[in-house]
Amino acid sequence: MSEVKLLQELHEMKTLIKQNYINEKPILTSKELELYLNFSESTIAKLAASKLIPFSKPTNGARFFIKQKIHEWIEMHSISCEDDAEKLYQSYNKKRKSR
């Protein structure tokens, strides 16, 4: 195996270990959240500064993100798909017809 190939595989293994470590943690730092959501550092900073994403700041320094709250935040901002829209439309029509 060539040295380049070996280094690539080593890098992939380090990335997988880091991702697994982050997946197990209930509370994430800004850097870990960047990796977890695949967002840039500036995006996380802007969302936090605008108070658009839930975070804790127990000291005047670092921000911490509770993974469960991040999942809830993502779900809260979901966009309905066509199936959801169709179900809403059918539900609305049933209510109208029953009047």
PDB file of N, CA and C in Angstrom:
ATOM      1  N   MET A   1       0.854  -1.175   0.000  1.00  0.00           N
ATOM      2  CA  MET A   1       0.000   0.000   0.000  1.00  0.00           C
ATOM      3  C   MET A   1       0.900   1.238   0.000  1.00  0.00           C
ATOM      4  N   SER A   2       0.573   2.193  -0.840  1.00  0.00           N
ATOM      5  CA  SER A   2       1.408   3.384  -0.942  1.00  0.00           C
ATOM      6  C   SER A   2       1.230   4.276   0.286  1.00  0.00           C
ATOM      7  N   GLU A   3       2.196   5.129   0.484  1.00  0.00           N
ATOM      8  CA  GLU A   3       2.168   6.039   1.634  1.00  0.00           C
ATOM      9  C   GLU A   3       0.985   7.004   1.539  1.00  0.00           C
ATOM     10  N   VAL A   4       0.689   7.476   0.340  1.00  0.00           N
ATOM     11  CA  VAL A   4      -0.438   8.394   0.137  1.00  0.00           C
ATOM     12  C   VAL A   4      -1.752   7.706   0.494  1.00  0.00           C
ATOM     13  N   LYS A   5      -1.915   6.488   0.023  1.00  0.00           N
ATOM     14  CA  LYS A   5      -3.134   5.718   0.307  1.00  0.00           C
ATOM     15  C   LYS A   5      -3.265   5.468   1.808  1.00  0.00           C
ATOM     16  N   LEU A   6      -2.168   5.145   2.436  1.00  0.00           N
ATOM     17  CA  LEU A   6      -2.156   4.896   3.873  1.00  0.00           C
ATOM     18  C   LEU A   6      -2.551   6.153   4.645  1.00  0.00           C
ATOM     19  N   LEU A   7      -2.026   7.297   4.229  1.00  0.00           N
ATOM     20  CA  LEU A   7      -2.370   8.563   4.878  1.00  0.00           C
ATOM     21  C   LEU A   7      -3.846   8.912   4.674  1.00  0.00           C
ATOM     22  N   GLN A   8      -4.373   8.633   3.491  1.00  0.00           N
ATOM     23  CA  GLN A   8      -5.795   8.879   3.224  1.00  0.00           C
ATOM     24  C   GLN A   8      -6.671   8.025   4.132  1.00  0.00           C
ATOM     25  N   GLU A   9      -6.322   6.762   4.258  1.00  0.00           N
ATOM     26  CA  GLU A   9      -7.101   5.865   5.108  1.00  0.00           C
ATOM     27  C   GLU A   9      -7.002   6.272   6.572  1.00  0.00           C
ATOM     28  N   LEU A  10      -5.836   6.703   6.985  1.00  0.00           N
ATOM     29  CA  LEU A  10      -5.652   7.177   8.354  1.00  0.00           C
ATOM     30  C   LEU A  10      -6.519   8.404   8.616  1.00  0.00           C
ATOM     31  N   HIS A  11      -6.554   9.305   7.653  1.00  0.00           N
ATOM     32  CA  HIS A  11      -7.393  10.503   7.769  1.00  0.00           C
ATOM     33  C   HIS A  11      -8.876  10.125   7.858  1.00  0.00           C
ATOM     34  N   GLU A  12      -9.305   9.184   7.024  1.00  0.00           N
ATOM     35  CA  GLU A  12     -10.698   8.721   7.060  1.00  0.00           C
ATOM     36  C   GLU A  12     -11.037   8.091   8.405  1.00  0.00           C
ATOM     37  N   MET A  13     -10.116   7.319   8.947  1.00  0.00           N
ATOM     38  CA  MET A  13     -10.344   6.684  10.248  1.00  0.00           C
ATOM     39  C   MET A  13     -10.457   7.732  11.353  1.00  0.00           C
ATOM     40  N   LYS A  14      -9.598   8.738  11.315  1.00  0.00           N
ATOM     41  CA  LYS A  14      -9.663   9.804  12.311  1.00  0.00           C
ATOM     42  C   LYS A  14     -10.993  10.546  12.215  1.00  0.00           C
ATOM     43  N   THR A  15     -11.450  10.798  11.005  1.00  0.00           N
ATOM     44  CA  THR A  15     -12.726  11.481  10.801  1.00  0.00           C
ATOM     45  C   THR A  15     -13.874  10.647  11.357  1.00  0.00           C
ATOM     46  N   LEU A  16     -13.874   9.352  11.081  1.00  0.00           N
ATOM     47  CA  LEU A  16     -14.930   8.472  11.589  1.00  0.00           C
ATOM     48  C   LEU A  16     -14.923   8.389  13.110  1.00  0.00           C
ATOM     49  N   ILE A  17     -13.753   8.328  13.696  1.00  0.00           N
ATOM     50  CA  ILE A  17     -13.648   8.289  15.160  1.00  0.00           C
ATOM     51  C   ILE A  17     -14.185   9.582  15.755  1.00  0.00           C
ATOM     52  N   LYS A  18     -13.826  10.708  15.147  1.00  0.00           N
ATOM     53  CA  LYS A  18     -14.293  12.006  15.631  1.00  0.00           C
ATOM     54  C   LYS A  18     -15.813  12.111  15.512  1.00  0.00           C
ATOM     55  N   GLN A  19     -16.372  11.669  14.381  1.00  0.00           N
ATOM     56  CA  GLN A  19     -17.822  11.712  14.188  1.00  0.00           C
ATOM     57  C   GLN A  19     -18.532  10.817  15.191  1.00  0.00           C
ATOM     58  N   ASN A  20     -17.989   9.647  15.440  1.00  0.00           N
ATOM     59  CA  ASN A  20     -18.583   8.735  16.410  1.00  0.00           C
ATOM     60  C   ASN A  20     -18.558   9.350  17.805  1.00  0.00           C
ATOM     61  N   TYR A  21     -17.453   9.975  18.151  1.00  0.00           N
ATOM     62  CA  TYR A  21     -17.312  10.644  19.445  1.00  0.00           C
ATOM     63  C   TYR A  21     -18.370  11.737  19.588  1.00  0.00           C
ATOM     64  N   ILE A  22     -18.547  12.532  18.550  1.00  0.00           N
ATOM     65  CA  ILE A  22     -19.532  13.618  18.576  1.00  0.00           C
ATOM     66  C   ILE A  22     -20.944  13.051  18.660  1.00  0.00           C
ATOM     67  N   ASN A  23     -21.216  11.970  17.947  1.00  0.00           N
ATOM     68  CA  ASN A  23     -22.552  11.365  17.975  1.00  0.00           C
ATOM     69  C   ASN A  23     -22.932  10.872  19.360  1.00  0.00           C
ATOM     70  N   GLU A  24     -21.960  10.509  20.174  1.00  0.00           N
ATOM     71  CA  GLU A  24     -22.224   9.985  21.513  1.00  0.00           C
ATOM     72  C   GLU A  24     -22.418  11.086  22.550  1.00  0.00           C
ATOM     73  N   LYS A  25     -21.960  12.286  22.273  1.00  0.00           N
ATOM     74  CA  LYS A  25     -22.008  13.369  23.257  1.00  0.00           C
ATOM     75  C   LYS A  25     -23.382  14.037  23.286  1.00  0.00           C
ATOM     76  N   PRO A  26     -23.936  14.295  24.486  1.00  0.00           N
ATOM     77  CA  PRO A  26     -25.218  15.002  24.565  1.00  0.00           C
ATOM     78  C   PRO A  26     -25.072  16.517  24.447  1.00  0.00           C
ATOM     79  N   ILE A  27     -23.887  17.040  24.746  1.00  0.00           N
ATOM     80  CA  ILE A  27     -23.631  18.481  24.688  1.00  0.00           C
ATOM     81  C   ILE A  27     -22.425  18.713  23.785  1.00  0.00           C
ATOM     82  N   LEU A  28     -22.578  19.673  22.862  1.00  0.00           N
ATOM     83  CA  LEU A  28     -21.534  19.926  21.870  1.00  0.00           C
ATOM     84  C   LEU A  28     -20.981  21.340  21.989  1.00  0.00           C
ATOM     85  N   THR A  29     -19.719  21.495  21.634  1.00  0.00           N
ATOM     86  CA  THR A  29     -19.118  22.818  21.504  1.00  0.00           C
ATOM     87  C   THR A  29     -19.470  23.358  20.118  1.00  0.00           C
ATOM     88  N   SER A  30     -19.121  24.608  19.865  1.00  0.00           N
ATOM     89  CA  SER A  30     -19.371  25.188  18.540  1.00  0.00           C
ATOM     90  C   SER A  30     -18.664  24.395  17.447  1.00  0.00           C
ATOM     91  N   LYS A  31     -17.410  24.037  17.685  1.00  0.00           N
ATOM     92  CA  LYS A  31     -16.643  23.273  16.688  1.00  0.00           C
ATOM     93  C   LYS A  31     -17.286  21.919  16.416  1.00  0.00           C
ATOM     94  N   GLU A  32     -17.728  21.247  17.479  1.00  0.00           N
ATOM     95  CA  GLU A  32     -18.361  19.938  17.320  1.00  0.00           C
ATOM     96  C   GLU A  32     -19.690  20.070  16.580  1.00  0.00           C
ATOM     97  N   LEU A  33     -20.422  21.147  16.867  1.00  0.00           N
ATOM     98  CA  LEU A  33     -21.694  21.368  16.174  1.00  0.00           C
ATOM     99  C   LEU A  33     -21.464  21.616  14.687  1.00  0.00           C
ATOM    100  N   GLU A  34     -20.396  22.315  14.361  1.00  0.00           N
ATOM    101  CA  GLU A  34     -20.046  22.531  12.947  1.00  0.00           C
ATOM    102  C   GLU A  34     -19.898  21.196  12.229  1.00  0.00           C
ATOM    103  N   LEU A  35     -19.170  20.281  12.845  1.00  0.00           N
ATOM    104  CA  LEU A  35     -18.965  18.961  12.243  1.00  0.00           C
ATOM    105  C   LEU A  35     -20.256  18.158  12.213  1.00  0.00           C
ATOM    106  N   TYR A  36     -21.024  18.243  13.288  1.00  0.00           N
ATOM    107  CA  TYR A  36     -22.256  17.463  13.413  1.00  0.00           C
ATOM    108  C   TYR A  36     -23.290  17.876  12.365  1.00  0.00           C
ATOM    109  N   LEU A  37     -23.450  19.190  12.163  1.00  0.00           N
ATOM    110  CA  LEU A  37     -24.445  19.687  11.208  1.00  0.00           C
ATOM    111  C   LEU A  37     -23.862  19.970   9.829  1.00  0.00           C
ATOM    112  N   ASN A  38     -22.535  19.921   9.733  1.00  0.00           N
ATOM    113  CA  ASN A  38     -21.842  20.282   8.498  1.00  0.00           C
ATOM    114  C   ASN A  38     -22.137  21.734   8.109  1.00  0.00           C
ATOM    115  N   PHE A  39     -22.119  22.609   9.114  1.00  0.00           N
ATOM    116  CA  PHE A  39     -22.284  24.049   8.921  1.00  0.00           C
ATOM    117  C   PHE A  39     -20.918  24.702   9.070  1.00  0.00           C
ATOM    118  N   SER A  40     -20.758  25.870   8.490  1.00  0.00           N
ATOM    119  CA  SER A  40     -19.504  26.599   8.655  1.00  0.00           C
ATOM    120  C   SER A  40     -19.467  27.271  10.028  1.00  0.00           C
ATOM    121  N   GLU A  41     -18.272  27.646  10.425  1.00  0.00           N
ATOM    122  CA  GLU A  41     -18.086  28.343  11.703  1.00  0.00           C
ATOM    123  C   GLU A  41     -18.897  29.636  11.726  1.00  0.00           C
ATOM    124  N   SER A  42     -18.880  30.368  10.611  1.00  0.00           N
ATOM    125  CA  SER A  42     -19.602  31.643  10.563  1.00  0.00           C
ATOM    126  C   SER A  42     -21.114  31.445  10.631  1.00  0.00           C
ATOM    127  N   THR A  43     -21.627  30.374  10.037  1.00  0.00           N
ATOM    128  CA  THR A  43     -23.067  30.105  10.098  1.00  0.00           C
ATOM    129  C   THR A  43     -23.498  29.836  11.529  1.00  0.00           C
ATOM    130  N   ILE A  44     -22.745  29.009  12.249  1.00  0.00           N
ATOM    131  CA  ILE A  44     -23.062  28.720  13.654  1.00  0.00           C
ATOM    132  C   ILE A  44     -23.000  30.008  14.467  1.00  0.00           C
ATOM    133  N   ALA A  45     -21.955  30.805  14.246  1.00  0.00           N
ATOM    134  CA  ALA A  45     -21.794  32.058  14.991  1.00  0.00           C
ATOM    135  C   ALA A  45     -22.947  33.023  14.718  1.00  0.00           C
ATOM    136  N   LYS A  46     -23.355  33.139  13.455  1.00  0.00           N
ATOM    137  CA  LYS A  46     -24.458  34.043  13.102  1.00  0.00           C
ATOM    138  C   LYS A  46     -25.780  33.567  13.693  1.00  0.00           C
ATOM    139  N   LEU A  47     -26.044  32.270  13.624  1.00  0.00           N
ATOM    140  CA  LEU A  47     -27.280  31.725  14.195  1.00  0.00           C
ATOM    141  C   LEU A  47     -27.328  31.956  15.703  1.00  0.00           C
ATOM    142  N   ALA A  48     -26.203  31.753  16.365  1.00  0.00           N
ATOM    143  CA  ALA A  48     -26.147  31.939  17.818  1.00  0.00           C
ATOM    144  C   ALA A  48     -26.259  33.420  18.182  1.00  0.00           C
ATOM    145  N   ALA A  49     -25.542  34.275  17.472  1.00  0.00           N
ATOM    146  CA  ALA A  49     -25.578  35.712  17.758  1.00  0.00           C
ATOM    147  C   ALA A  49     -26.976  36.283  17.553  1.00  0.00           C
ATOM    148  N   SER A  50     -27.698  35.748  16.581  1.00  0.00           N
ATOM    149  CA  SER A  50     -29.071  36.193  16.306  1.00  0.00           C
ATOM    150  C   SER A  50     -30.088  35.488  17.192  1.00  0.00           C
ATOM    151  N   LYS A  51     -29.595  34.586  18.040  1.00  0.00           N
ATOM    152  CA  LYS A  51     -30.447  33.783  18.920  1.00  0.00           C
ATOM    153  C   LYS A  51     -31.484  32.972  18.128  1.00  0.00           C
ATOM    154  N   LEU A  52     -31.059  32.476  16.974  1.00  0.00           N
ATOM    155  CA  LEU A  52     -31.924  31.656  16.131  1.00  0.00           C
ATOM    156  C   LEU A  52     -31.749  30.169  16.399  1.00  0.00           C
ATOM    157  N   ILE A  53     -30.675  29.813  17.095  1.00  0.00           N
ATOM    158  CA  ILE A  53     -30.399  28.421  17.423  1.00  0.00           C
ATOM    159  C   ILE A  53     -30.229  28.336  18.943  1.00  0.00           C
ATOM    160  N   PRO A  54     -30.791  27.315  19.579  1.00  0.00           N
ATOM    161  CA  PRO A  54     -30.684  27.235  21.045  1.00  0.00           C
ATOM    162  C   PRO A  54     -29.266  26.883  21.507  1.00  0.00           C
ATOM    163  N   PHE A  55     -28.790  27.610  22.504  1.00  0.00           N
ATOM    164  CA  PHE A  55     -27.475  27.332  23.075  1.00  0.00           C
ATOM    165  C   PHE A  55     -27.441  27.771  24.528  1.00  0.00           C
ATOM    166  N   SER A  56     -26.445  27.283  25.237  1.00  0.00           N
ATOM    167  CA  SER A  56     -26.211  27.677  26.625  1.00  0.00           C
ATOM    168  C   SER A  56     -24.849  28.343  26.694  1.00  0.00           C
ATOM    169  N   LYS A  57     -24.746  29.295  27.597  1.00  0.00           N
ATOM    170  CA  LYS A  57     -23.474  29.992  27.777  1.00  0.00           C
ATOM    171  C   LYS A  57     -23.257  30.151  29.282  1.00  0.00           C
ATOM    172  N   PRO A  58     -22.844  29.056  29.950  1.00  0.00           N
ATOM    173  CA  PRO A  58     -22.724  29.087  31.406  1.00  0.00           C
ATOM    174  C   PRO A  58     -21.660  30.062  31.912  1.00  0.00           C
ATOM    175  N   THR A  59     -20.692  30.354  31.086  1.00  0.00           N
ATOM    176  CA  THR A  59     -19.691  31.363  31.433  1.00  0.00           C
ATOM    177  C   THR A  59     -19.790  32.454  30.382  1.00  0.00           C
ATOM    178  N   ASN A  60     -18.998  33.458  30.491  1.00  0.00           N
ATOM    179  CA  ASN A  60     -19.033  34.521  29.483  1.00  0.00           C
ATOM    180  C   ASN A  60     -18.280  34.145  28.217  1.00  0.00           C
ATOM    181  N   GLY A  61     -17.790  32.927  28.151  1.00  0.00           N
ATOM    182  CA  GLY A  61     -16.976  32.512  27.012  1.00  0.00           C
ATOM    183  C   GLY A  61     -17.697  31.618  26.036  1.00  0.00           C
ATOM    184  N   ALA A  62     -17.419  30.346  26.126  1.00  0.00           N
ATOM    185  CA  ALA A  62     -17.855  29.374  25.125  1.00  0.00           C
ATOM    186  C   ALA A  62     -19.358  29.127  25.142  1.00  0.00           C
ATOM    187  N   ARG A  63     -19.871  28.836  23.949  1.00  0.00           N
ATOM    188  CA  ARG A  63     -21.273  28.427  23.801  1.00  0.00           C
ATOM    189  C   ARG A  63     -21.316  26.907  23.769  1.00  0.00           C
ATOM    190  N   PHE A  64     -22.359  26.362  24.380  1.00  0.00           N
ATOM    191  CA  PHE A  64     -22.571  24.922  24.354  1.00  0.00           C
ATOM    192  C   PHE A  64     -23.954  24.655  23.786  1.00  0.00           C
ATOM    193  N   PHE A  65     -24.071  23.584  23.021  1.00  0.00           N
ATOM    194  CA  PHE A  65     -25.311  23.249  22.338  1.00  0.00           C
ATOM    195  C   PHE A  65     -25.778  21.881  22.812  1.00  0.00           C
ATOM    196  N   ILE A  66     -26.990  21.826  23.344  1.00  0.00           N
ATOM    197  CA  ILE A  66     -27.559  20.561  23.796  1.00  0.00           C
ATOM    198  C   ILE A  66     -28.153  19.876  22.575  1.00  0.00           C
ATOM    199  N   LYS A  67     -27.647  18.700  22.291  1.00  0.00           N
ATOM    200  CA  LYS A  67     -28.007  18.010  21.051  1.00  0.00           C
ATOM    201  C   LYS A  67     -29.515  17.803  20.918  1.00  0.00           C
ATOM    202  N   GLN A  68     -30.184  17.448  22.002  1.00  0.00           N
ATOM    203  CA  GLN A  68     -31.631  17.232  21.950  1.00  0.00           C
ATOM    204  C   GLN A  68     -32.355  18.515  21.525  1.00  0.00           C
ATOM    205  N   LYS A  69     -31.916  19.655  22.049  1.00  0.00           N
ATOM    206  CA  LYS A  69     -32.541  20.930  21.672  1.00  0.00           C
ATOM    207  C   LYS A  69     -32.246  21.282  20.218  1.00  0.00           C
ATOM    208  N   ILE A  70     -31.078  20.908  19.742  1.00  0.00           N
ATOM    209  CA  ILE A  70     -30.737  21.140  18.333  1.00  0.00           C
ATOM    210  C   ILE A  70     -31.657  20.305  17.440  1.00  0.00           C
ATOM    211  N   HIS A  71     -31.901  19.062  17.825  1.00  0.00           N
ATOM    212  CA  HIS A  71     -32.813  18.200  17.049  1.00  0.00           C
ATOM    213  C   HIS A  71     -34.220  18.793  17.044  1.00  0.00           C
ATOM    214  N   GLU A  72     -34.683  19.274  18.191  1.00  0.00           N
ATOM    215  CA  GLU A  72     -36.010  19.892  18.274  1.00  0.00           C
ATOM    216  C   GLU A  72     -36.071  21.140  17.400  1.00  0.00           C
ATOM    217  N   TRP A  73     -35.000  21.925  17.412  1.00  0.00           N
ATOM    218  CA  TRP A  73     -34.927  23.137  16.600  1.00  0.00           C
ATOM    219  C   TRP A  73     -35.020  22.790  15.114  1.00  0.00           C
ATOM    220  N   ILE A  74     -34.328  21.743  14.705  1.00  0.00           N
ATOM    221  CA  ILE A  74     -34.368  21.311  13.304  1.00  0.00           C
ATOM    222  C   ILE A  74     -35.780  20.864  12.937  1.00  0.00           C
ATOM    223  N   GLU A  75     -36.398  20.064  13.796  1.00  0.00           N
ATOM    224  CA  GLU A  75     -37.754  19.576  13.528  1.00  0.00           C
ATOM    225  C   GLU A  75     -38.757  20.723  13.488  1.00  0.00           C
ATOM    226  N   MET A  76     -38.555  21.725  14.338  1.00  0.00           N
ATOM    227  CA  MET A  76     -39.451  22.874  14.382  1.00  0.00           C
ATOM    228  C   MET A  76     -39.430  23.652  13.067  1.00  0.00           C
ATOM    229  N   HIS A  77     -38.320  23.607  12.383  1.00  0.00           N
ATOM    230  CA  HIS A  77     -38.154  24.368  11.152  1.00  0.00           C
ATOM    231  C   HIS A  77     -38.244  23.493   9.903  1.00  0.00           C
ATOM    232  N   SER A  78     -38.935  22.360  10.040  1.00  0.00           N
ATOM    233  CA  SER A  78     -39.057  21.484   8.875  1.00  0.00           C
ATOM    234  C   SER A  78     -40.058  22.069   7.883  1.00  0.00           C
ATOM    235  N   ILE A  79     -39.863  21.746   6.648  1.00  0.00           N
ATOM    236  CA  ILE A  79     -40.728  22.220   5.572  1.00  0.00           C
ATOM    237  C   ILE A  79     -41.574  21.045   5.117  1.00  0.00           C
ATOM    238  N   SER A  80     -42.860  21.282   5.008  1.00  0.00           N
ATOM    239  CA  SER A  80     -43.775  20.204   4.631  1.00  0.00           C
ATOM    240  C   SER A  80     -43.483  19.720   3.219  1.00  0.00           C
ATOM    241  N   CYS A  81     -43.611  18.429   3.039  1.00  0.00           N
ATOM    242  CA  CYS A  81     -43.436  17.856   1.709  1.00  0.00           C
ATOM    243  C   CYS A  81     -44.806  17.761   1.037  1.00  0.00           C
ATOM    244  N   GLU A  82     -44.834  17.315  -0.188  1.00  0.00           N
ATOM    245  CA  GLU A  82     -46.091  17.226  -0.933  1.00  0.00           C
ATOM    246  C   GLU A  82     -47.093  16.306  -0.247  1.00  0.00           C
ATOM    247  N   ASP A  83     -46.628  15.200   0.330  1.00  0.00           N
ATOM    248  CA  ASP A  83     -47.531  14.281   1.025  1.00  0.00           C
ATOM    249  C   ASP A  83     -48.214  14.968   2.196  1.00  0.00           C
ATOM    250  N   ASP A  84     -47.445  15.753   2.962  1.00  0.00           N
ATOM    251  CA  ASP A  84     -48.022  16.480   4.089  1.00  0.00           C
ATOM    252  C   ASP A  84     -49.052  17.486   3.599  1.00  0.00           C
ATOM    253  N   ALA A  85     -48.737  18.170   2.520  1.00  0.00           N
ATOM    254  CA  ALA A  85     -49.659  19.155   1.967  1.00  0.00           C
ATOM    255  C   ALA A  85     -50.947  18.479   1.495  1.00  0.00           C
ATOM    256  N   GLU A  86     -50.820  17.328   0.866  1.00  0.00           N
ATOM    257  CA  GLU A  86     -51.995  16.587   0.400  1.00  0.00           C
ATOM    258  C   GLU A  86     -52.865  16.158   1.576  1.00  0.00           C
ATOM    259  N   LYS A  87     -52.255  15.673   2.650  1.00  0.00           N
ATOM    260  CA  LYS A  87     -53.014  15.267   3.838  1.00  0.00           C
ATOM    261  C   LYS A  87     -53.741  16.459   4.456  1.00  0.00           C
ATOM    262  N   LEU A  88     -53.074  17.597   4.527  1.00  0.00           N
ATOM    263  CA  LEU A  88     -53.717  18.800   5.062  1.00  0.00           C
ATOM    264  C   LEU A  88     -54.902  19.213   4.191  1.00  0.00           C
ATOM    265  N   TYR A  89     -54.710  19.144   2.884  1.00  0.00           N
ATOM    266  CA  TYR A  89     -55.772  19.508   1.951  1.00  0.00           C
ATOM    267  C   TYR A  89     -56.974  18.580   2.113  1.00  0.00           C
ATOM    268  N   GLN A  90     -56.727  17.276   2.204  1.00  0.00           N
ATOM    269  CA  GLN A  90     -57.819  16.316   2.378  1.00  0.00           C
ATOM    270  C   GLN A  90     -58.530  16.532   3.706  1.00  0.00           C
ATOM    271  N   SER A  91     -57.786  16.790   4.744  1.00  0.00           N
ATOM    272  CA  SER A  91     -58.367  17.050   6.057  1.00  0.00           C
ATOM    273  C   SER A  91     -59.233  18.306   6.013  1.00  0.00           C
ATOM    274  N   TYR A  92     -58.748  19.334   5.348  1.00  0.00           N
ATOM    275  CA  TYR A  92     -59.492  20.583   5.216  1.00  0.00           C
ATOM    276  C   TYR A  92     -60.796  20.352   4.454  1.00  0.00           C
ATOM    277  N   ASN A  93     -60.730  19.594   3.360  1.00  0.00           N
ATOM    278  CA  ASN A  93     -61.930  19.317   2.562  1.00  0.00           C
ATOM    279  C   ASN A  93     -62.954  18.510   3.348  1.00  0.00           C
ATOM    280  N   LYS A  94     -62.513  17.544   4.153  1.00  0.00           N
ATOM    281  CA  LYS A  94     -63.431  16.754   4.972  1.00  0.00           C
ATOM    282  C   LYS A  94     -64.159  17.642   5.967  1.00  0.00           C
ATOM    283  N   LYS A  95     -63.430  18.563   6.575  1.00  0.00           N
ATOM    284  CA  LYS A  95     -64.042  19.476   7.544  1.00  0.00           C
ATOM    285  C   LYS A  95     -65.052  20.384   6.866  1.00  0.00           C
ATOM    286  N   ARG A  96     -64.727  20.860   5.655  1.00  0.00           N
ATOM    287  CA  ARG A  96     -65.643  21.743   4.918  1.00  0.00           C
ATOM    288  C   ARG A  96     -66.915  21.003   4.528  1.00  0.00           C
ATOM    289  N   LYS A  97     -66.760  19.761   4.084  1.00  0.00           N
ATOM    290  CA  LYS A  97     -67.915  18.983   3.628  1.00  0.00           C
ATOM    291  C   LYS A  97     -68.821  18.584   4.781  1.00  0.00           C
ATOM    292  N   SER A  98     -68.256  18.443   5.967  1.00  0.00           N
ATOM    293  CA  SER A  98     -69.075  18.025   7.111  1.00  0.00           C
ATOM    294  C   SER A  98     -69.871  19.179   7.707  1.00  0.00           C
ATOM    295  N   ARG A  99     -69.676  20.371   7.246  1.00  0.00           N
ATOM    296  CA  ARG A  99     -70.423  21.537   7.767  1.00  0.00           C
ATOM    297  C   ARG A  99     -71.805  21.592   7.222  1.00  0.00           C
TER     298      ARG A  99
END
